[in-house]
């Protein structure tokens, strides 16, 4: 039942410490962080009688010169991020219970630091450099480790039950991850107290089946915590989503100097990853040039964290950027940053039994990225669906792996051409002619109705491609595979009027027509005085 050995780091009165760090109060002042009631008080305020839960009026009556700071959870989290950064050199992954209290698996970091005491000393020193006092404790399970941290002790596994037994049941509230969970636990603890069960020692003597049947999931969680077992914490947050190294430089204009800088930073990044026992799945290279601003590119490294491999990728990327300066001057390299993302503990990446199915895909991606690095961002493009009122407006090209915000392509598009849309859409629609049964040309009148030049009963009967002057483009060549000669029209639907980009210079107005013809059906539109073939239902 006992959980794994965990450590906990506790910064007492964190809301007060955050307020002092944010220069809202001085360290020697009596300070209270309040909303409607006191949420935290400094040691000076507590010595004069201020307690958590007091009303603001009562606190001010006890300490007239009390510095009252409004509660701000954003400030608490923001300031605590600097403390987490200080822990990164000792603990690879922490579980944040709330600002001021984190727990972590202690076995591996302690082995690396040279023991539990050495790890505690290192963590306390790291937090002290942020001008904060802290305490570290160890115990089996979440509750034992947190309560041990409040006393700065290491509780051996065999003493866990003895250590926890005297604590009141309300001590479990110290590990409640959210205010909502805390309220649920308080209600259960109130019921247990009314039944005469007030300490952890009293609670753990009850059978788990009885607790589960009477108090459900909340009772089970409290019972397991009091037994010294592990409990999944809802808020599991890595201290940082990336590990990065960066360097500001006076200015580098040639590839040889850039290669030396790349190797220096790659060595530094690989050392950091090794120290924290992490591997990364992606390597992001960010650079700033004196004349062209910021450039960024992400490389998949597939857990390969050798400095030589990272150096190669950084060198390739910088060489690609510097090669572009002849066409688009970038100026000198003034800033370089390498960020390792998609982090995972070392040793957890393992290929599948029959080989890693992603490997081929990632190798192809690396090749494409290298080509893009040499030829420029716009040299490799992919198609992205963006939605629209016509087939040609529903997709657009973007640079490979730009990572643009995904559009909601399924939202209603009022006035769109009825679906289904053609499976083949031409990037440059070829011109076509549409003739009436009387032999004359058809057009769309001002009332968005099909009209004929020669009669009053327009009925499309033939569709023909129009070969323009000069060499035919790829769209015409593709369309001629289906309509190499004039084809007979069997039936039609439409026309539908579509107006687009009315606010821009490239505004357009079209009348779409679906045609059932010999061979695959066609979607054509009238724009100005001409018909164009938009796509084919192949």
Protein backbone atom coordinates (compact mmCIF):
# COMPACT_ATOMS: atom_id res chain seq x y z
CA UNK A 1 0.00 0.00 0.00
CA UNK A 2 2.89 2.38 0.66
CA UNK A 3 3.70 4.68 -2.23
CA UNK A 4 7.05 5.48 -3.76
CA UNK A 5 9.57 7.70 -2.02
CA UNK A 6 8.66 11.28 -2.82
CA UNK A 7 10.19 14.58 -1.92
CA UNK A 8 8.36 17.84 -1.32
CA UNK A 9 9.59 21.42 -1.33
CA UNK A 10 7.52 23.93 0.58
CA UNK A 11 7.95 27.71 0.59
CA UNK A 12 6.05 28.98 3.65
CA UNK A 13 3.51 31.78 3.17
CA UNK A 14 4.05 31.83 -0.58
CA UNK A 15 1.41 34.52 -1.37
CA UNK A 16 3.28 36.84 0.99
CA UNK A 17 6.66 35.92 -0.50
CA UNK A 18 5.28 36.57 -4.00
CA UNK A 19 3.96 39.99 -2.93
CA UNK A 20 7.35 40.91 -1.48
CA UNK A 21 9.14 39.69 -4.63
CA UNK A 22 6.76 41.84 -6.68
CA UNK A 23 7.77 44.86 -4.54
CA UNK A 24 4.29 45.25 -3.05
CA UNK A 25 5.66 45.04 0.50
CA UNK A 26 8.95 45.02 2.34
CA UNK A 27 10.35 41.89 4.02
CA UNK A 28 10.30 43.43 7.51
CA UNK A 29 6.70 44.67 7.34
CA UNK A 30 3.62 42.94 8.75
CA UNK A 31 1.88 41.75 5.60
CA UNK A 32 -1.41 39.97 4.92
CA UNK A 33 -2.65 38.77 1.55
CA UNK A 34 -6.45 39.02 1.56
CA UNK A 35 -9.55 38.70 -0.54
CA UNK A 36 -12.56 38.88 1.78
CA UNK A 37 -10.50 37.11 4.44
CA UNK A 38 -6.82 36.70 5.21
CA UNK A 39 -5.29 34.04 2.95
CA UNK A 40 -1.70 34.32 4.15
CA UNK A 41 0.17 36.37 6.73
CA UNK A 42 3.84 37.11 7.24
CA UNK A 43 5.64 35.88 10.40
CA UNK A 44 5.56 39.43 11.78
CA UNK A 45 1.77 39.62 11.34
CA UNK A 46 1.26 36.18 12.87
CA UNK A 47 3.28 37.15 15.94
CA UNK A 48 0.79 39.97 16.49
CA UNK A 49 -2.22 37.63 16.27
CA UNK A 50 -3.26 37.66 12.60
CA UNK A 51 -4.41 34.24 11.42
CA UNK A 52 -5.49 32.73 8.12
CA UNK A 53 -9.27 33.04 7.79
CA UNK A 54 -9.55 36.27 9.81
CA UNK A 55 -11.60 39.06 8.30
CA UNK A 56 -9.72 42.05 6.99
CA UNK A 57 -11.31 44.25 9.64
CA UNK A 58 -10.19 41.93 12.44
CA UNK A 59 -6.66 41.76 11.03
CA UNK A 60 -6.43 45.57 10.86
CA UNK A 61 -7.80 45.87 14.39
CA UNK A 62 -4.98 43.59 15.60
CA UNK A 63 -2.24 45.29 13.55
CA UNK A 64 -3.16 48.86 12.59
CA UNK A 65 -0.09 49.27 10.35
CA UNK A 66 -0.71 45.95 8.60
CA UNK A 67 0.16 46.03 4.88
CA UNK A 68 -2.84 44.48 3.11
CA UNK A 69 -2.10 43.10 -0.36
CA UNK A 70 -4.99 41.93 -2.59
CA UNK A 71 -4.86 38.26 -3.49
CA UNK A 72 -3.62 37.64 -7.06
CA UNK A 73 -3.24 34.03 -8.16
CA UNK A 74 -1.64 35.10 -11.45
CA UNK A 75 1.10 36.87 -9.50
CA UNK A 76 1.60 33.77 -7.33
CA UNK A 77 2.06 31.52 -10.37
CA UNK A 78 4.18 34.03 -12.27
CA UNK A 79 6.66 34.59 -9.46
CA UNK A 80 6.78 30.90 -8.61
CA UNK A 81 7.96 30.15 -12.15
CA UNK A 82 11.35 31.63 -11.22
CA UNK A 83 11.58 29.22 -8.29
CA UNK A 84 10.78 26.30 -10.59
CA UNK A 85 13.56 27.41 -12.91
CA UNK A 86 15.94 27.24 -9.97
CA UNK A 87 14.87 23.63 -9.29
CA UNK A 88 15.53 22.50 -12.86
CA UNK A 89 19.20 21.80 -12.19
CA UNK A 90 18.32 19.24 -9.52
CA UNK A 91 14.93 17.71 -10.39
CA UNK A 92 13.88 16.90 -13.95
CA UNK A 93 10.14 16.76 -13.34
CA UNK A 94 8.05 18.21 -10.55
CA UNK A 95 4.38 18.03 -9.63
CA UNK A 96 3.03 21.44 -8.69
CA UNK A 97 0.34 21.21 -6.06
CA UNK A 98 0.05 24.98 -5.86
CA UNK A 99 2.45 27.92 -5.95
CA UNK A 100 4.83 27.38 -3.06
CA UNK A 101 4.47 23.59 -2.90
CA UNK A 102 5.88 20.99 -5.31
CA UNK A 103 6.57 17.28 -5.01
CA UNK A 104 8.81 15.02 -7.02
CA UNK A 105 10.00 11.44 -7.27
CA UNK A 106 13.07 11.50 -5.03
CA UNK A 107 15.02 8.33 -5.77
CA UNK A 108 16.69 9.25 -9.07
CA UNK A 109 17.49 12.92 -8.25
CA UNK A 110 18.90 11.86 -4.86
CA UNK A 111 21.14 9.29 -6.52
CA UNK A 112 22.42 11.94 -8.91
CA UNK A 113 22.92 14.54 -6.16
CA UNK A 114 24.72 12.14 -3.81
CA UNK A 115 21.94 11.41 -1.33
CA UNK A 116 18.71 12.77 0.07
CA UNK A 117 20.44 15.27 2.34
CA UNK A 118 22.62 16.59 -0.49
CA UNK A 119 19.55 16.93 -2.72
CA UNK A 120 17.67 18.82 -0.02
CA UNK A 121 20.63 21.13 0.56
CA UNK A 122 20.91 21.81 -3.16
CA UNK A 123 17.21 22.57 -3.54
CA UNK A 124 17.12 24.87 -0.51
CA UNK A 125 20.22 26.71 -1.75
CA UNK A 126 18.72 27.09 -5.22
CA UNK A 127 15.51 28.58 -3.83
CA UNK A 128 17.50 30.78 -1.43
CA UNK A 129 19.21 32.37 -4.44
CA UNK A 130 15.73 33.59 -5.37
CA UNK A 131 15.59 35.26 -1.92
CA UNK A 132 13.08 32.71 -0.63
CA UNK A 133 13.23 30.36 2.33
CA UNK A 134 12.08 26.80 1.84
CA UNK A 135 11.92 23.40 3.48
CA UNK A 136 12.36 19.95 1.96
CA UNK A 137 11.08 16.64 3.29
CA UNK A 138 10.79 13.04 2.14
CA UNK A 139 8.22 10.34 2.75
CA UNK A 140 6.32 7.49 1.13
CA UNK A 141 3.28 8.81 -0.69
CA UNK A 142 2.06 12.28 -1.38
CA UNK A 143 0.64 13.18 2.03
CA UNK A 144 3.61 11.90 4.04
CA UNK A 145 6.10 13.78 1.85
CA UNK A 146 4.24 17.09 2.13
CA UNK A 147 3.77 16.84 5.89
CA UNK A 148 7.42 15.83 6.23
CA UNK A 149 8.44 18.95 4.27
CA UNK A 150 6.58 21.14 6.74
CA UNK A 151 8.82 19.69 9.45
CA UNK A 152 11.94 19.40 7.26
CA UNK A 153 12.24 15.67 7.94
CA UNK A 154 12.89 12.41 6.14
CA UNK A 155 10.32 9.81 7.19
CA UNK A 156 11.51 6.21 6.58
CA UNK A 157 8.96 3.87 5.02
CA UNK A 158 8.54 1.77 8.17
CA UNK A 159 7.67 4.88 10.22
CA UNK A 160 5.07 6.27 7.83
CA UNK A 161 1.98 5.05 9.71
CA UNK A 162 3.39 6.18 13.05
CA UNK A 163 4.25 9.59 11.60
CA UNK A 164 0.83 10.18 10.03
CA UNK A 165 -1.36 8.82 12.84
CA UNK A 166 -1.39 11.88 15.17
CA UNK A 167 -2.28 14.38 12.45
CA UNK A 168 -5.89 15.57 12.27
CA UNK A 169 -7.85 14.58 9.19
CA UNK A 170 -7.80 18.21 8.09
CA UNK A 171 -4.07 17.73 7.37
CA UNK A 172 -5.11 15.99 4.14
CA UNK A 173 -6.37 19.35 2.86
CA UNK A 174 -2.74 20.43 2.38
CA UNK A 175 -2.54 18.22 -0.73
CA UNK A 176 -5.93 19.13 -2.21
CA UNK A 177 -5.10 20.16 -5.79
CA UNK A 178 -7.97 22.64 -6.31
CA UNK A 179 -10.43 24.67 -4.30
CA UNK A 180 -13.31 22.50 -5.55
CA UNK A 181 -11.59 19.30 -4.43
CA UNK A 182 -10.77 20.95 -1.11
CA UNK A 183 -14.46 21.72 -0.51
CA UNK A 184 -15.43 18.10 -1.28
CA UNK A 185 -12.82 16.79 1.13
CA UNK A 186 -13.91 19.24 3.83
CA UNK A 187 -17.50 18.00 3.63
CA UNK A 188 -16.38 14.39 4.04
CA UNK A 189 -14.04 15.28 6.90
CA UNK A 190 -16.88 17.13 8.67
CA UNK A 191 -19.06 14.02 8.47
CA UNK A 192 -16.23 11.83 9.77
CA UNK A 193 -15.59 14.28 12.62
CA UNK A 194 -19.27 14.17 13.59
CA UNK A 195 -18.87 10.39 13.82
CA UNK A 196 -15.92 10.79 16.19
CA UNK A 197 -13.19 10.07 13.60
CA UNK A 198 -10.87 13.03 13.86
CA UNK A 199 -7.31 11.81 13.33
CA UNK A 200 -5.56 9.93 10.55
CA UNK A 201 -4.82 7.14 12.99
CA UNK A 202 -8.55 6.70 13.68
CA UNK A 203 -9.38 6.80 9.98
CA UNK A 204 -6.91 4.16 8.74
CA UNK A 205 -8.28 1.55 11.18
CA UNK A 206 -11.53 1.47 9.17
CA UNK A 207 -11.99 -1.05 6.40
CA UNK A 208 -11.62 0.32 2.91
CA UNK A 209 -14.84 -1.40 1.78
CA UNK A 210 -16.80 0.45 4.46
CA UNK A 211 -15.29 3.79 3.48
CA UNK A 212 -15.88 3.22 -0.23
CA UNK A 213 -19.52 2.19 0.24
CA UNK A 214 -20.30 5.15 2.51
CA UNK A 215 -18.16 7.98 1.08
CA UNK A 216 -17.47 6.84 -2.46
CA UNK A 217 -14.48 8.08 -4.44
CA UNK A 218 -13.67 10.97 -2.08
CA UNK A 219 -13.52 8.61 0.88
CA UNK A 220 -11.29 6.20 -1.05
CA UNK A 221 -8.85 8.97 -1.99
CA UNK A 222 -8.61 10.22 1.59
CA UNK A 223 -8.16 6.67 2.89
CA UNK A 224 -5.34 5.95 0.44
CA UNK A 225 -3.60 9.24 1.25
CA UNK A 226 -3.77 8.47 4.94
CA UNK A 227 -2.31 5.00 4.31
CA UNK A 228 0.76 6.64 2.75
CA UNK A 229 -0.16 5.55 -0.77
CA UNK A 230 0.41 7.45 -3.97
CA UNK A 231 -2.42 9.44 -5.39
CA UNK A 232 -2.63 10.79 -8.91
CA UNK A 233 -2.48 14.56 -8.83
CA UNK A 234 -4.69 16.31 -11.34
CA UNK A 235 -2.28 19.15 -11.94
CA UNK A 236 0.86 17.52 -13.27
CA UNK A 237 3.05 20.13 -14.87
CA UNK A 238 6.55 19.93 -16.08
CA UNK A 239 8.59 22.90 -14.87
CA UNK A 240 9.29 23.92 -18.41
CA UNK A 241 8.19 22.82 -21.83
CA UNK A 242 11.68 23.20 -23.21
CA UNK A 243 15.34 23.40 -22.35
CA UNK A 244 17.09 26.20 -24.18
CA UNK A 245 20.48 27.81 -24.61
CA UNK A 246 20.96 31.18 -26.26
CA UNK A 247 23.68 33.62 -27.11
CA UNK A 248 23.79 37.30 -28.13
CA UNK A 249 26.76 38.04 -30.40
CA UNK A 250 28.28 41.11 -31.99
CA UNK A 251 27.65 39.95 -35.53
CA UNK A 252 28.59 36.91 -37.64
CA UNK A 253 28.62 37.14 -41.40
CA UNK A 254 30.25 33.91 -42.61
CA UNK A 255 29.39 30.24 -42.28
CA UNK A 256 32.65 29.19 -40.64
CA UNK A 257 32.14 31.46 -37.65
CA UNK A 258 28.49 30.40 -37.45
CA UNK A 259 29.54 26.74 -37.39
CA UNK A 260 31.79 27.33 -34.37
CA UNK A 261 28.95 29.09 -32.56
CA UNK A 262 26.55 26.27 -33.46
CA UNK A 263 28.91 23.65 -32.02
CA UNK A 264 29.41 25.63 -28.82
CA UNK A 265 25.67 25.98 -28.21
CA UNK A 266 24.91 22.38 -29.24
CA UNK A 267 27.51 21.10 -26.75
CA UNK A 268 25.94 23.23 -24.03
CA UNK A 269 22.42 22.03 -24.84
CA UNK A 270 23.45 18.37 -24.95
CA UNK A 271 25.11 18.76 -21.55
CA UNK A 272 21.94 20.28 -20.08
CA UNK A 273 19.80 17.46 -21.45
CA UNK A 274 22.21 14.91 -20.01
CA UNK A 275 22.28 16.56 -16.60
CA UNK A 276 18.49 16.47 -16.43
CA UNK A 277 18.23 12.95 -17.86
CA UNK A 278 16.00 14.14 -20.67
CA UNK A 279 15.87 13.55 -24.41
CA UNK A 280 14.10 15.81 -26.86
CA UNK A 281 12.02 15.01 -29.89
CA UNK A 282 12.44 18.37 -31.60
CA UNK A 283 15.15 20.99 -31.85
CA UNK A 284 14.11 24.57 -32.59
CA UNK A 285 16.73 26.91 -34.07
CA UNK A 286 15.92 30.60 -33.69
CA UNK A 287 18.13 33.35 -35.07
CA UNK A 288 18.03 37.10 -35.39
CA UNK A 289 19.72 38.92 -38.26
CA UNK A 290 20.65 42.57 -38.27
CA UNK A 291 18.68 43.44 -41.42
CA UNK A 292 15.98 40.78 -41.69
CA UNK A 293 14.72 40.25 -38.17
CA UNK A 294 13.80 36.90 -36.72
CA UNK A 295 14.02 33.43 -38.29
CA UNK A 296 12.95 30.13 -36.76
CA UNK A 297 12.95 26.50 -37.80
CA UNK A 298 12.15 23.28 -35.95
CA UNK A 299 14.01 20.04 -36.60
CA UNK A 300 12.87 16.59 -35.60
CA UNK A 301 15.73 14.87 -33.78
CA UNK A 302 13.87 11.71 -32.71
CA UNK A 303 15.47 11.47 -29.29
CA UNK A 304 19.00 11.70 -30.70
CA UNK A 305 20.67 14.17 -28.37
CA UNK A 306 24.29 13.85 -29.35
CA UNK A 307 25.95 17.21 -29.71
CA UNK A 308 27.34 16.24 -33.12
CA UNK A 309 23.87 15.53 -34.53
CA UNK A 310 22.47 18.77 -33.18
CA UNK A 311 25.48 20.68 -34.46
CA UNK A 312 24.89 19.32 -37.96
CA UNK A 313 21.28 20.46 -37.97
CA UNK A 314 22.08 23.90 -36.65
CA UNK A 315 24.91 24.29 -39.15
CA UNK A 316 22.67 23.20 -42.03
CA UNK A 317 20.00 25.65 -41.01
CA UNK A 318 22.32 28.62 -40.57
CA UNK A 319 24.03 27.83 -43.87
CA UNK A 320 20.64 27.82 -45.57
CA UNK A 321 19.74 31.18 -44.10
CA UNK A 322 23.07 32.73 -44.97
CA UNK A 323 22.85 31.37 -48.53
CA UNK A 324 19.64 33.31 -49.06
CA UNK A 325 21.22 36.64 -48.32
CA UNK A 326 22.35 37.08 -51.94
CA UNK A 327 18.69 37.31 -53.01
CA UNK A 328 17.25 38.68 -49.76
CA UNK A 329 19.95 40.34 -47.65
CA UNK A 330 19.68 39.25 -44.02
CA UNK A 331 22.64 41.08 -42.57
CA UNK A 332 24.77 39.61 -39.81
CA UNK A 333 23.73 36.97 -37.31
CA UNK A 334 23.27 38.72 -33.96
CA UNK A 335 21.38 36.18 -31.85
CA UNK A 336 21.11 32.39 -31.81
CA UNK A 337 18.94 30.18 -29.62
CA UNK A 338 18.59 26.40 -29.51
CA UNK A 339 15.52 25.02 -27.72
CA UNK A 340 14.95 21.32 -27.04
CA UNK A 341 11.22 20.55 -26.96
CA UNK A 342 9.00 17.44 -26.84
CA UNK A 343 10.98 16.35 -23.80
CA UNK A 344 10.83 12.87 -22.32
CA UNK A 345 12.82 11.03 -19.66
CA UNK A 346 15.90 9.36 -21.07
CA UNK A 347 15.44 5.67 -21.80
CA UNK A 348 11.68 5.80 -22.32
CA UNK A 349 11.83 6.09 -26.10
CA UNK A 350 11.81 2.63 -27.57
CA UNK A 351 11.13 1.36 -31.06
CA UNK A 352 8.21 -0.99 -31.62
CA UNK A 353 8.79 -4.74 -31.97
CA UNK A 354 8.48 -4.64 -35.75
CA UNK A 355 10.34 -1.35 -36.13
CA UNK A 356 9.29 2.23 -35.61
CA UNK A 357 6.58 3.03 -38.12
CA UNK A 358 7.22 6.75 -37.69
CA UNK A 359 10.86 6.44 -38.58
CA UNK A 360 10.38 6.56 -42.34
CA UNK A 361 8.02 9.51 -42.02
CA UNK A 362 10.41 11.42 -39.79
CA UNK A 363 13.34 10.68 -42.07
CA UNK A 364 11.32 12.11 -44.96
CA UNK A 365 10.46 15.16 -42.88
CA UNK A 366 14.11 15.72 -42.04
CA UNK A 367 15.00 15.53 -45.71
CA UNK A 368 12.29 18.02 -46.63
CA UNK A 369 13.38 20.36 -43.88
CA UNK A 370 16.97 20.19 -45.07
CA UNK A 371 15.88 21.05 -48.62
CA UNK A 372 13.81 23.90 -47.23
CA UNK A 373 16.76 25.10 -45.21
CA UNK A 374 18.90 25.24 -48.36
CA UNK A 375 16.33 26.69 -50.78
CA UNK A 376 14.23 28.91 -48.54
CA UNK A 377 10.90 28.63 -46.72
CA UNK A 378 8.76 29.13 -49.82
CA UNK A 379 10.55 26.40 -51.79
CA UNK A 380 8.53 23.60 -50.14
CA UNK A 381 4.80 24.09 -49.67
CA UNK A 382 1.84 22.00 -48.57
CA UNK A 383 -1.93 22.36 -48.96
CA UNK A 384 -4.05 23.64 -46.08
CA UNK A 385 -7.86 23.58 -45.99
CA UNK A 386 -9.31 26.95 -44.97
CA UNK A 387 -12.95 26.71 -46.12
CA UNK A 388 -14.76 29.02 -48.53
CA UNK A 389 -17.69 29.53 -50.86
CA UNK A 390 -16.12 27.95 -53.92
CA UNK A 391 -13.71 25.03 -54.47
CA UNK A 392 -10.75 27.18 -55.40
CA UNK A 393 -11.15 29.28 -52.23
CA UNK A 394 -11.39 26.30 -49.86
CA UNK A 395 -7.67 25.49 -49.86
CA UNK A 396 -4.46 27.41 -50.03
CA UNK A 397 -0.74 26.72 -50.15
CA UNK A 398 1.47 27.40 -47.16
CA UNK A 399 5.13 26.94 -46.42
CA UNK A 400 5.99 23.50 -45.09
CA UNK A 401 5.52 23.18 -41.32
CA UNK A 402 4.55 26.80 -40.82
CA UNK A 403 2.10 25.64 -38.15
CA UNK A 404 -0.60 28.22 -38.89
CA UNK A 405 -3.75 28.27 -36.78
CA UNK A 406 -6.15 25.61 -38.03
CA UNK A 407 -9.25 27.07 -39.64
CA UNK A 408 -12.77 25.90 -38.93
CA UNK A 409 -13.52 24.62 -42.43
CA UNK A 410 -16.96 23.27 -41.51
CA UNK A 411 -18.51 26.53 -40.40
CA UNK A 412 -21.50 27.75 -42.46
CA UNK A 413 -20.55 29.48 -45.71
CA UNK A 414 -23.63 31.45 -46.73
CA UNK A 415 -24.04 31.58 -50.52
CA UNK A 416 -21.51 28.82 -51.20
CA UNK A 417 -21.64 26.64 -54.31
CA UNK A 418 -23.75 23.56 -53.40
CA UNK A 419 -21.76 20.43 -52.59
CA UNK A 420 -20.44 17.96 -53.62
CA UNK A 421 -17.54 19.84 -55.10
CA UNK A 422 -15.33 18.53 -57.91
CA UNK A 423 -12.40 16.31 -56.97
CA UNK A 424 -10.15 18.04 -59.51
CA UNK A 425 -9.79 21.82 -59.23
CA UNK A 426 -7.56 23.66 -61.67
CA UNK A 427 -5.14 26.26 -60.27
CA UNK A 428 -5.59 28.37 -63.44
CA UNK A 429 -9.07 27.54 -64.82
CA UNK A 430 -9.00 27.13 -68.63
CA UNK A 431 -11.51 29.01 -70.77
CA UNK A 432 -14.48 27.13 -72.19
CA UNK A 433 -17.44 27.97 -74.43
CA UNK A 434 -21.02 26.96 -73.75
CA UNK A 435 -23.44 26.81 -76.65
CA UNK A 436 -27.23 26.74 -76.77
CA UNK A 437 -29.43 24.32 -78.68
CA UNK A 438 -29.83 27.08 -81.30
CA UNK A 439 -26.07 27.17 -81.85
CA UNK A 440 -25.41 30.54 -80.22
CA UNK A 441 -23.40 31.27 -77.09
CA UNK A 442 -24.92 31.25 -73.61
CA UNK A 443 -24.30 33.79 -70.88
CA UNK A 444 -25.68 34.84 -67.46
CA UNK A 445 -27.88 37.94 -67.38
CA UNK A 446 -28.24 40.55 -64.66
CA UNK A 447 -30.95 38.51 -62.97
CA UNK A 448 -28.52 35.56 -62.53
CA UNK A 449 -30.42 33.54 -65.11
CA UNK A 450 -29.04 31.57 -68.04
CA UNK A 451 -29.59 33.51 -71.30
CA UNK A 452 -28.84 32.96 -74.98
CA UNK A 453 -27.64 35.42 -77.58
CA UNK A 454 -29.86 33.95 -80.30
CA UNK A 455 -33.08 32.72 -78.66
CA UNK A 456 -35.37 33.07 -75.66
CA UNK A 457 -35.19 29.41 -74.58
CA UNK A 458 -31.59 28.88 -73.48
CA UNK A 459 -30.58 25.22 -73.15
CA UNK A 460 -26.87 24.24 -72.96
CA UNK A 461 -26.00 21.42 -75.34
CA UNK A 462 -22.22 21.57 -75.89
CA UNK A 463 -19.06 22.45 -73.94
CA UNK A 464 -15.69 23.09 -75.57
CA UNK A 465 -12.24 24.04 -74.31
CA UNK A 466 -10.74 27.22 -75.75
CA UNK A 467 -7.06 27.00 -76.56
CA UNK A 468 -5.43 30.32 -75.89
CA UNK A 469 -2.46 31.88 -77.58
CA UNK A 470 0.99 30.58 -76.72
CA UNK A 471 1.99 27.37 -74.98
CA UNK A 472 -0.88 25.65 -73.09
CA UNK A 473 -0.44 25.58 -69.35
CA UNK A 474 -0.75 22.51 -67.12
CA UNK A 475 -4.42 23.17 -66.30
CA UNK A 476 -5.41 23.20 -69.98
CA UNK A 477 -3.34 20.09 -70.64
CA UNK A 478 -5.04 18.29 -67.74
CA UNK A 479 -8.55 19.36 -68.80
CA UNK A 480 -7.93 18.30 -72.41
CA UNK A 481 -7.45 14.73 -71.19
CA UNK A 482 -11.20 14.71 -70.45
CA UNK A 483 -12.55 17.18 -73.00
CA UNK A 484 -10.16 16.95 -75.92
CA UNK A 485 -13.08 17.80 -78.19
CA UNK A 486 -16.44 19.42 -77.67
CA UNK A 487 -18.64 17.31 -75.41
CA UNK A 488 -22.43 17.13 -75.33
CA UNK A 489 -24.23 18.52 -72.29
CA UNK A 490 -27.02 16.30 -70.96
CA UNK A 491 -28.32 18.45 -68.10
CA UNK A 492 -27.32 21.30 -65.86
CA UNK A 493 -27.94 22.96 -62.45
CA UNK A 494 -27.56 26.60 -61.54
CA UNK A 495 -26.44 29.26 -61.99
CA UNK A 496 -25.42 30.34 -58.46
CA UNK A 497 -23.97 33.76 -57.86
CA UNK A 498 -20.85 33.97 -55.65
CA UNK A 499 -19.16 37.24 -54.72
CA UNK A 500 -15.85 37.15 -52.94
CA UNK A 501 -13.24 39.46 -51.41
CA UNK A 502 -15.41 42.51 -52.04
CA UNK A 503 -13.21 44.49 -49.65
CA UNK A 504 -9.99 43.87 -51.62
CA UNK A 505 -8.60 44.80 -55.02
CA UNK A 506 -8.93 41.19 -56.21
CA UNK A 507 -12.71 41.15 -55.62
CA UNK A 508 -14.64 38.83 -57.95
CA UNK A 509 -18.20 37.97 -58.92
CA UNK A 510 -18.99 34.65 -60.55
CA UNK A 511 -22.01 32.61 -61.65
CA UNK A 512 -21.44 28.87 -61.20
CA UNK A 513 -23.04 26.14 -63.30
CA UNK A 514 -22.88 22.37 -62.85
CA UNK A 515 -22.99 20.39 -66.10
CA UNK A 516 -23.70 16.73 -66.75
CA UNK A 517 -21.71 16.00 -69.92
CA UNK A 518 -20.24 13.12 -71.84
CA UNK A 519 -17.52 11.88 -69.55
CA UNK A 520 -17.03 13.32 -66.05
CA UNK A 521 -19.35 16.14 -64.94
CA UNK A 522 -17.96 19.66 -64.85
CA UNK A 523 -18.23 22.79 -62.74
CA UNK A 524 -17.89 25.99 -64.75
CA UNK A 525 -18.37 29.65 -63.90
CA UNK A 526 -19.06 32.85 -65.76
CA UNK A 527 -16.80 35.79 -64.95
CA UNK A 528 -17.01 38.91 -67.05
CA UNK A 529 -17.61 37.89 -70.67
CA UNK A 530 -16.10 34.39 -70.45
CA UNK A 531 -16.79 30.92 -69.11
CA UNK A 532 -14.07 29.05 -67.15
CA UNK A 533 -13.72 25.40 -66.16
CA UNK A 534 -13.38 25.38 -62.33
CA UNK A 535 -13.12 21.62 -61.85
CA UNK A 536 -14.08 18.11 -62.86
CA UNK A 537 -16.07 15.51 -60.90
CA UNK A 538 -13.66 12.70 -61.68
